[in-house]
Protein backbone atom coordinates (compact mmCIF):
# COMPACT_ATOMS: atom_id res chain seq x y z
CA MET A 1 -43.47 -242.60 287.28
CA ALA A 2 -40.67 -241.30 289.49
CA GLU A 3 -40.53 -237.57 290.11
CA LYS A 4 -37.52 -235.43 289.23
CA ASN A 5 -36.25 -232.85 291.67
CA VAL A 6 -36.10 -229.14 290.96
CA PRO A 7 -33.55 -226.80 292.61
CA PHE A 8 -36.17 -224.31 293.75
CA SER A 9 -39.39 -224.22 295.75
CA LYS A 10 -42.78 -222.99 294.62
CA ASP A 11 -42.47 -219.95 296.89
CA GLN A 12 -39.04 -219.18 295.47
CA ILE A 13 -40.25 -219.37 291.87
CA GLU A 14 -43.33 -217.27 292.63
CA LYS A 15 -41.05 -214.50 293.90
CA ILE A 16 -38.92 -214.79 290.76
CA ILE A 17 -42.06 -214.62 288.59
CA GLU A 18 -43.01 -211.32 290.24
CA LYS A 19 -39.92 -209.82 288.58
CA PHE A 20 -39.60 -212.03 285.50
CA PRO A 21 -42.95 -213.12 284.04
CA THR A 22 -43.41 -216.61 282.63
CA PRO A 23 -42.37 -218.23 280.44
CA PHE A 24 -38.61 -218.29 281.02
CA HIS A 25 -35.69 -220.69 281.07
CA ILE A 26 -33.72 -220.82 284.31
CA TYR A 27 -30.34 -222.53 284.76
CA ASP A 28 -28.87 -223.85 288.00
CA GLU A 29 -25.39 -222.31 288.40
CA LYS A 30 -24.34 -224.49 291.33
CA ALA A 31 -25.23 -227.75 289.57
CA ILE A 32 -23.56 -226.75 286.28
CA VAL A 33 -20.29 -225.92 288.03
CA ALA A 34 -20.37 -229.13 290.07
CA ASN A 35 -20.98 -231.18 286.93
CA ALA A 36 -18.10 -229.47 285.11
CA LYS A 37 -15.77 -230.32 287.98
CA ARG A 38 -16.94 -233.94 287.96
CA PHE A 39 -16.24 -234.24 284.24
CA LYS A 40 -12.72 -232.89 284.66
CA LYS A 41 -11.99 -235.23 287.55
CA ALA A 42 -13.14 -238.30 285.59
CA PHE A 43 -10.48 -237.54 282.96
CA GLU A 44 -7.73 -236.09 285.12
CA TRP A 45 -5.52 -239.00 283.98
CA ALA A 46 -5.66 -237.83 280.36
CA PRO A 47 -2.81 -235.69 279.03
CA GLY A 48 -3.95 -232.12 278.43
CA PHE A 49 -7.62 -232.97 279.03
CA LYS A 50 -10.09 -230.26 278.09
CA ASN A 51 -13.77 -230.11 277.29
CA TYR A 52 -14.73 -227.60 274.64
CA PHE A 53 -18.31 -226.73 275.55
CA ALA A 54 -20.54 -227.09 272.49
CA VAL A 55 -21.81 -223.53 272.35
CA LYS A 56 -24.72 -224.53 270.10
CA ALA A 57 -26.27 -226.33 273.08
CA LEU A 58 -26.64 -223.16 275.14
CA PRO A 59 -25.29 -220.09 273.30
CA ASN A 60 -25.48 -217.66 276.17
CA PRO A 61 -22.32 -215.66 276.97
CA SER A 62 -22.93 -215.89 280.72
CA ILE A 63 -22.97 -219.69 280.59
CA VAL A 64 -19.93 -219.88 278.31
CA LYS A 65 -18.07 -217.56 280.72
CA LEU A 66 -19.16 -219.65 283.72
CA LEU A 67 -17.66 -222.73 282.08
CA ALA A 68 -14.57 -220.89 280.86
CA ASP A 69 -13.89 -220.03 284.51
CA GLU A 70 -13.86 -223.80 285.12
CA GLY A 71 -11.23 -224.30 282.42
CA PHE A 72 -13.55 -225.28 279.59
CA GLY A 73 -12.99 -224.09 276.05
CA ALA A 74 -15.66 -223.41 273.44
CA ASP A 75 -16.62 -225.62 270.51
CA CYS A 76 -18.01 -223.28 267.84
CA SER A 77 -19.65 -223.87 264.49
CA SER A 78 -20.83 -220.41 263.40
CA MET A 79 -19.93 -216.74 263.35
CA ALA A 80 -22.26 -215.95 266.25
CA GLU A 81 -20.64 -218.59 268.42
CA LEU A 82 -17.17 -217.25 267.59
CA LYS A 83 -18.36 -213.78 268.59
CA ILE A 84 -19.52 -215.14 271.95
CA CYS A 85 -15.91 -216.20 272.52
CA ASP A 86 -14.82 -212.59 271.97
CA MET A 87 -17.41 -211.46 274.50
CA VAL A 88 -16.14 -213.78 277.24
CA GLY A 89 -12.41 -213.47 276.50
CA LEU A 90 -11.73 -216.85 274.87
CA SER A 91 -9.19 -217.04 272.05
CA GLY A 92 -6.46 -219.24 270.60
CA SER A 93 -6.42 -222.87 271.65
CA ASP A 94 -9.44 -222.29 273.90
CA ILE A 95 -11.61 -222.26 270.74
CA MET A 96 -12.30 -225.27 268.53
CA PHE A 97 -13.96 -224.24 265.27
CA THR A 98 -15.82 -227.25 263.88
CA SER A 99 -18.09 -226.40 260.99
CA ASN A 100 -19.15 -227.70 257.60
CA GLU A 101 -19.79 -225.98 254.25
CA THR A 102 -18.12 -223.03 255.93
CA PRO A 103 -18.32 -219.49 254.49
CA GLU A 104 -15.07 -217.57 253.93
CA ASP A 105 -15.77 -214.93 256.57
CA GLU A 106 -16.20 -217.56 259.29
CA TYR A 107 -12.86 -219.17 258.50
CA GLN A 108 -11.29 -215.71 258.51
CA LYS A 109 -12.84 -214.91 261.88
CA ALA A 110 -11.57 -218.20 263.35
CA MET A 111 -8.10 -217.52 261.97
CA ASP A 112 -8.12 -213.99 263.43
CA GLN A 113 -8.93 -215.52 266.82
CA LYS A 114 -6.14 -218.09 266.32
CA ALA A 115 -8.72 -220.80 266.99
CA ILE A 116 -8.06 -224.47 266.30
CA ILE A 117 -9.70 -225.14 262.95
CA ASN A 118 -11.28 -228.55 262.45
CA LEU A 119 -11.74 -229.17 258.72
CA ASP A 120 -14.75 -231.15 257.58
CA ASP A 121 -13.61 -232.03 254.05
CA ILE A 122 -10.34 -232.54 252.19
CA THR A 123 -11.33 -229.87 249.65
CA HIS A 124 -11.49 -227.33 252.48
CA ILE A 125 -7.68 -227.36 252.63
CA ASP A 126 -7.46 -225.30 249.44
CA PHE A 127 -10.54 -223.26 250.36
CA LEU A 128 -9.07 -222.29 253.74
CA GLU A 129 -5.63 -221.56 252.32
CA LYS A 130 -7.04 -219.22 249.67
CA CYS A 131 -9.46 -217.32 251.89
CA ALA A 132 -7.55 -217.10 255.18
CA GLY A 133 -4.23 -218.94 254.96
CA LEU A 134 -3.19 -222.02 256.88
CA PRO A 135 -2.71 -222.13 260.65
CA GLU A 136 0.09 -223.86 262.53
CA THR A 137 -2.42 -226.31 264.04
CA ILE A 138 -5.04 -228.19 262.06
CA CYS A 139 -7.60 -230.85 262.86
CA PHE A 140 -9.63 -233.12 260.59
CA ARG A 141 -13.03 -234.63 261.25
CA TYR A 142 -13.10 -238.36 260.60
CA ASN A 143 -16.20 -240.13 259.28
CA PRO A 144 -15.64 -243.83 260.07
CA GLY A 145 -18.42 -244.97 257.75
CA ALA A 146 -19.50 -248.56 258.30
CA LEU A 147 -16.87 -249.02 261.03
CA LYS A 148 -19.26 -247.34 263.46
CA GLY A 149 -23.02 -247.45 263.72
CA GLY A 150 -24.69 -244.15 264.52
CA ASN A 151 -27.69 -243.77 266.77
CA GLU A 152 -31.26 -242.82 265.94
CA ILE A 153 -30.67 -239.09 266.40
CA ILE A 154 -27.54 -238.55 264.34
CA GLY A 155 -27.98 -241.46 261.91
CA LYS A 156 -25.49 -243.79 260.23
CA PRO A 157 -22.06 -242.22 259.62
CA GLU A 158 -22.08 -243.26 255.96
CA ASP A 159 -25.30 -241.26 255.46
CA ALA A 160 -23.95 -238.18 257.26
CA LYS A 161 -22.65 -235.10 255.48
CA TYR A 162 -19.77 -234.75 257.94
CA GLY A 163 -16.11 -235.67 257.82
CA LEU A 164 -13.42 -237.36 255.75
CA THR A 165 -13.07 -241.02 254.82
CA ARG A 166 -10.18 -243.07 256.14
CA GLU A 167 -8.29 -242.76 252.85
CA GLN A 168 -8.87 -239.02 252.73
CA MET A 169 -7.61 -238.67 256.31
CA ILE A 170 -4.29 -240.28 255.44
CA GLU A 171 -3.96 -238.06 252.36
CA ALA A 172 -4.98 -234.89 254.21
CA TYR A 173 -2.37 -235.22 256.95
CA GLY A 174 0.30 -235.83 254.33
CA ILE A 175 -0.75 -232.70 252.44
CA MET A 176 -0.76 -230.53 255.55
CA LYS A 177 2.60 -231.84 256.69
CA GLN A 178 4.07 -230.86 253.31
CA LYS A 179 2.49 -227.41 253.61
CA GLY A 180 4.30 -226.81 256.89
CA VAL A 181 1.54 -227.28 259.45
CA LYS A 182 3.19 -228.00 262.81
CA LYS A 183 0.48 -229.50 265.03
CA PHE A 184 -2.32 -231.92 264.26
CA GLY A 185 -5.54 -233.17 265.76
CA MET A 186 -8.28 -235.62 264.87
CA HIS A 187 -11.98 -235.55 265.67
CA THR A 188 -15.17 -237.50 265.17
CA MET A 189 -18.79 -237.12 266.21
CA VAL A 190 -21.03 -240.08 265.46
CA ALA A 191 -23.71 -240.02 268.16
CA SER A 192 -26.05 -237.63 269.91
CA ASN A 193 -27.67 -238.09 273.33
CA GLU A 194 -26.21 -241.58 273.75
CA LEU A 195 -26.36 -243.18 277.22
CA ASN A 196 -24.31 -246.33 276.59
CA VAL A 197 -20.78 -245.98 278.02
CA ASP A 198 -19.40 -248.69 275.76
CA TYR A 199 -20.55 -246.80 272.67
CA PHE A 200 -18.06 -244.04 273.47
CA VAL A 201 -15.33 -246.52 274.33
CA GLU A 202 -15.78 -248.13 270.91
CA THR A 203 -15.49 -244.71 269.29
CA ALA A 204 -12.30 -244.04 271.21
CA VAL A 205 -10.84 -247.33 270.00
CA ILE A 206 -11.57 -246.41 266.37
CA LEU A 207 -9.85 -243.04 266.80
CA PHE A 208 -6.89 -244.44 268.71
CA GLU A 209 -6.31 -247.08 266.04
CA MET A 210 -6.65 -244.43 263.33
CA ALA A 211 -4.11 -242.25 265.14
CA ALA A 212 -1.63 -245.12 265.20
CA GLU A 213 -2.16 -245.71 261.48
CA ILE A 214 -1.67 -242.03 260.68
CA ALA A 215 1.60 -242.00 262.61
CA GLU A 216 2.82 -245.09 260.78
CA LYS A 217 1.84 -243.98 257.27
CA THR A 218 2.48 -240.23 257.38
CA GLY A 219 4.90 -239.69 260.26
CA VAL A 220 2.37 -237.36 261.90
CA ASP A 221 2.08 -237.89 265.65
CA LEU A 222 -1.25 -236.33 266.61
CA ASP A 223 -1.09 -233.68 269.29
CA PHE A 224 -4.69 -234.22 270.34
CA ILE A 225 -7.66 -236.48 269.74
CA ASN A 226 -11.13 -234.98 270.04
CA LEU A 227 -13.54 -237.75 271.06
CA GLY A 228 -16.49 -235.53 270.16
CA GLY A 229 -19.61 -235.06 272.23
CA GLY A 230 -22.90 -236.89 272.22
CA ILE A 231 -22.90 -237.99 275.87
CA GLY A 232 -26.59 -238.09 276.68
CA ILE A 233 -28.69 -237.19 279.67
CA PRO A 234 -31.56 -239.08 281.32
CA TYR A 235 -34.56 -237.10 280.11
CA ASN A 236 -36.82 -239.81 281.47
CA PRO A 237 -36.46 -240.30 285.25
CA GLU A 238 -36.35 -244.06 284.70
CA GLN A 239 -33.13 -243.72 282.69
CA ASN A 240 -29.65 -243.70 284.22
CA GLU A 241 -27.09 -241.00 283.57
CA VAL A 242 -23.77 -241.84 281.93
CA ASN A 243 -21.24 -242.91 284.57
CA LEU A 244 -18.42 -240.50 283.78
CA GLU A 245 -16.01 -242.23 286.13
CA GLU A 246 -16.55 -245.57 284.41
CA LEU A 247 -16.23 -243.91 281.02
CA GLY A 248 -12.95 -242.29 282.02
CA GLU A 249 -11.45 -245.54 283.30
CA LYS A 250 -12.47 -247.56 280.25
CA ILE A 251 -11.08 -245.00 277.80
CA LYS A 252 -7.88 -244.80 279.86
CA ALA A 253 -7.38 -248.56 279.48
CA LYS A 254 -7.77 -248.37 275.69
CA TYR A 255 -5.52 -245.30 275.49
CA GLU A 256 -2.72 -247.13 277.26
CA GLU A 257 -3.25 -250.34 275.28
CA ILE A 258 -3.39 -248.81 271.80
CA LEU A 259 -1.43 -245.55 272.00
CA GLY A 260 0.75 -245.84 275.07
CA SER A 261 2.22 -249.11 273.82
CA LYS A 262 3.44 -247.25 270.70
CA GLY A 263 4.83 -244.27 272.58
CA LEU A 264 2.04 -241.98 271.37
CA THR A 265 0.71 -239.48 273.92
CA PRO A 266 -1.89 -237.18 272.31
CA SER A 267 -4.04 -234.99 274.53
CA ILE A 268 -7.65 -236.12 274.99
CA ILE A 269 -10.42 -233.61 274.53
CA PHE A 270 -14.21 -233.65 274.26
CA GLU A 271 -16.82 -231.24 272.91
CA CYS A 272 -19.74 -232.05 275.20
CA GLY A 273 -22.56 -229.55 275.58
CA ARG A 274 -25.83 -231.33 276.43
CA MET A 275 -24.27 -233.41 279.20
CA VAL A 276 -22.72 -230.35 280.84
CA THR A 277 -25.75 -228.06 281.10
CA GLY A 278 -28.78 -229.99 279.84
CA PRO A 279 -30.10 -231.43 283.13
CA TYR A 280 -29.75 -228.10 284.90
CA GLY A 281 -32.11 -225.99 282.84
CA TYR A 282 -35.87 -225.64 283.33
CA LEU A 283 -38.62 -224.00 281.29
CA VAL A 284 -41.00 -222.39 283.76
CA THR A 285 -44.49 -221.75 282.43
CA ARG A 286 -48.00 -221.30 283.78
CA ALA A 287 -51.27 -223.10 283.07
CA ILE A 288 -53.65 -220.58 281.53
CA HIS A 289 -56.36 -222.81 280.01
CA THR A 290 -58.01 -226.17 280.51
CA LYS A 291 -59.83 -227.90 277.67
CA SER A 292 -61.93 -231.07 277.67
CA ILE A 293 -62.92 -232.56 274.29
CA TYR A 294 -61.81 -235.96 273.05
CA LYS A 295 -58.80 -235.57 275.31
CA GLU A 296 -57.90 -233.43 278.29
CA TYR A 297 -55.64 -230.47 277.53
CA ILE A 298 -53.73 -227.98 279.62
CA GLY A 299 -52.80 -224.82 277.75
CA VAL A 300 -49.68 -223.02 278.99
CA ASP A 301 -48.12 -219.64 278.21
CA ALA A 302 -45.01 -221.23 276.69
CA THR A 303 -45.00 -222.69 273.19
CA MET A 304 -42.89 -224.88 270.96
CA ALA A 305 -41.07 -221.62 270.10
CA ASN A 306 -39.56 -221.84 273.60
CA LEU A 307 -38.76 -225.57 273.45
CA MET A 308 -38.77 -227.27 270.09
CA ARG A 309 -37.58 -230.78 270.98
CA PRO A 310 -40.89 -232.43 271.97
CA GLY A 311 -42.71 -231.14 268.91
CA MET A 312 -39.84 -231.64 266.46
CA TYR A 313 -38.43 -234.95 267.68
CA GLY A 314 -41.19 -236.37 269.85
CA SER A 315 -38.69 -236.09 272.70
CA TYR A 316 -39.68 -236.75 276.30
CA HIS A 317 -39.25 -233.90 278.79
CA HIS A 318 -40.35 -234.50 282.35
CA VAL A 319 -43.07 -232.23 283.74
CA THR A 320 -43.46 -231.11 287.34
CA VAL A 321 -46.46 -229.21 288.70
CA LEU A 322 -44.96 -227.08 291.46
CA GLY A 323 -46.56 -227.61 294.83
CA LYS A 324 -48.12 -230.90 293.68
CA GLU A 325 -44.98 -233.03 293.50
CA ASN A 326 -46.41 -235.55 295.96
CA ALA A 327 -49.99 -235.48 294.71
CA ALA A 328 -51.51 -238.51 293.01
CA GLN A 329 -50.94 -238.59 289.25
CA GLU A 330 -54.58 -239.26 288.55
CA CYS A 331 -55.12 -237.23 285.38
CA THR A 332 -53.99 -237.73 281.80
CA TYR A 333 -53.18 -234.57 279.87
CA ASP A 334 -51.63 -233.17 276.75
CA ILE A 335 -49.64 -230.08 277.76
CA VAL A 336 -49.87 -227.66 274.84
CA GLY A 337 -48.96 -224.19 273.66
CA SER A 338 -50.78 -221.69 271.47
CA LEU A 339 -48.99 -222.07 268.11
CA CYS A 340 -51.10 -222.81 265.04
CA GLU A 341 -49.50 -226.25 264.84
CA ASN A 342 -50.87 -229.45 266.36
CA CYS A 343 -47.33 -230.55 267.24
CA ASP A 344 -47.06 -227.65 269.70
CA LYS A 345 -47.08 -230.06 272.62
CA PHE A 346 -44.72 -230.49 275.56
CA ALA A 347 -46.29 -233.76 276.74
CA ILE A 348 -48.81 -236.19 275.28
CA ASP A 349 -51.05 -238.48 277.35
CA ARG A 350 -48.96 -237.66 280.40
CA LYS A 351 -50.07 -238.85 283.84
CA LEU A 352 -49.97 -235.82 286.13
CA PRO A 353 -51.69 -234.44 289.22
CA ALA A 354 -54.89 -232.49 288.61
CA ILE A 355 -53.84 -229.13 287.17
CA ASP A 356 -55.69 -225.89 287.82
CA LYS A 357 -55.45 -222.62 285.96
CA GLY A 358 -52.61 -220.62 287.45
CA ASP A 359 -50.49 -223.63 288.40
CA ILE A 360 -46.77 -223.26 287.72
CA ILE A 361 -45.48 -226.00 285.46
CA VAL A 362 -41.78 -226.81 285.17
CA ILE A 363 -40.45 -228.61 282.10
CA HIS A 364 -37.14 -230.30 282.87
CA ASP A 365 -33.83 -230.72 281.04
CA THR A 366 -33.98 -227.58 278.92
CA GLY A 367 -30.39 -226.52 279.62
CA ALA A 368 -29.31 -227.65 276.15
CA HIS A 369 -31.05 -227.32 272.79
CA GLY A 370 -33.90 -225.48 274.53
CA HIS A 371 -33.75 -221.72 274.17
CA ALA A 372 -31.00 -222.30 271.59
CA MET A 373 -33.52 -223.80 269.16
CA GLY A 374 -36.13 -221.09 269.71
CA PHE A 375 -37.89 -219.46 266.79
CA ASN A 376 -40.48 -216.82 265.95
CA TYR A 377 -43.23 -218.66 264.09
CA ASN A 378 -46.61 -216.96 264.58
CA GLY A 379 -44.58 -213.97 265.75
CA LYS A 380 -43.97 -215.59 269.11
CA LEU A 381 -41.30 -213.88 271.17
CA ARG A 382 -38.46 -215.90 272.63
CA SER A 383 -38.40 -215.90 276.40
CA ALA A 384 -35.89 -214.60 278.90
CA GLU A 385 -33.07 -216.71 280.28
CA LEU A 386 -32.25 -216.58 283.99
CA LEU A 387 -29.38 -217.91 286.08
CA LEU A 388 -30.28 -219.33 289.49
CA LYS A 389 -27.36 -218.12 291.57
CA THR A 390 -25.86 -220.11 294.40
CA ASP A 391 -27.55 -217.79 296.92
CA GLY A 392 -30.98 -218.64 295.48
CA THR A 393 -31.52 -215.36 293.65
CA ALA A 394 -32.20 -215.13 289.93
CA GLN A 395 -30.09 -213.09 287.51
CA MET A 396 -31.38 -212.27 284.05
CA ILE A 397 -28.76 -213.35 281.51
CA ARG A 398 -30.87 -212.68 278.43
CA ARG A 399 -33.94 -210.49 278.34
CA ALA A 400 -37.11 -211.63 276.64
CA GLU A 401 -37.55 -210.49 273.06
CA THR A 402 -39.81 -207.54 272.30
CA TYR A 403 -41.94 -206.77 269.28
CA ASP A 404 -39.41 -204.09 268.38
CA ASP A 405 -36.82 -206.87 268.12
CA LEU A 406 -39.16 -208.92 265.99
CA PHE A 407 -39.93 -206.11 263.57
CA ALA A 408 -36.40 -204.69 263.38
CA THR A 409 -36.47 -203.48 259.80
CA LEU A 410 -36.44 -200.37 257.66
CA LYS A 411 -39.26 -197.96 258.36
CA PHE A 412 -42.46 -199.29 256.81
């Protein structure tokens, strides 16, 4: 299997480990910024284009600030994510609050920040009005049902708990117009980690046609259309990344055909997270045990508590043994952690070079839904997060948890 590159050498990482013990996640600042710029350029044709970084993918204030400096907003779905926006100076139309079954205090917080509120259900109109009042700008999340097939991660739209039906969308915009709301948006999210460009073009067509219908039936000309996120990344080195330039051109053609022909010019926005940072994060761990029974195992000092995706979803994450990138992949291993769960595995039956105790192992593509999905089962402590600066140095952007953090409670 093809090897994936890492943005650091073995010597470089060993020096970093002297200061920051394994395991840790490290993110490549230079690559994240370059990718953000590429995304913006692919959609520079689109009126008012903006990507609202899905904070849930990598909820670290330093990363959110790095992207805010590149003109990105923040897509939030919880109180903690809204508070990150306060920390980095984002407010108003730089925040998209997209949540479901939302508590009152979270709506109030979003209103206090003057965030764009994206309602998930028609009944939330009354709920929001009673607990926080109505904003001047409102967005609704559309569930297209059988019009759009989901993918294996997010499932079929008609089975999803998210969004309004077509009929409810028409009704909701009419209600909000009567209530004096001034600006309107529309959103959908029907896929996760999808690599097919045409899938997103089809989604855009559904939203553009819905926007035209809303304008015709309610007189509401949408100010923006949020095409959602879900753009995937090539976890497996044999996969190809999404061609953002092709995606931008294809959506542009449909925008002009469906909306431009009717004189409609809504802004185009996205809420991508995984695609922005995912490929540029790495879980660095060390081999501490070898085991030979019915299979060959390599035990590492990271666990599923540091990276849940392989154990939870069976997801593939590429593995590099630093210093042995060009060695023959002559051994077959399961790479495992120390949790009392047999699913605590980063790789199963993986062809790799011979691994010795002490080898540094890098698990790729942990820049989204990696540390963010960490947990404390077995009392495991979540690891530090580092930022690999453009000068090659490492900056700690979240310290590792301590047992004092874990047992933060009243005196026992």
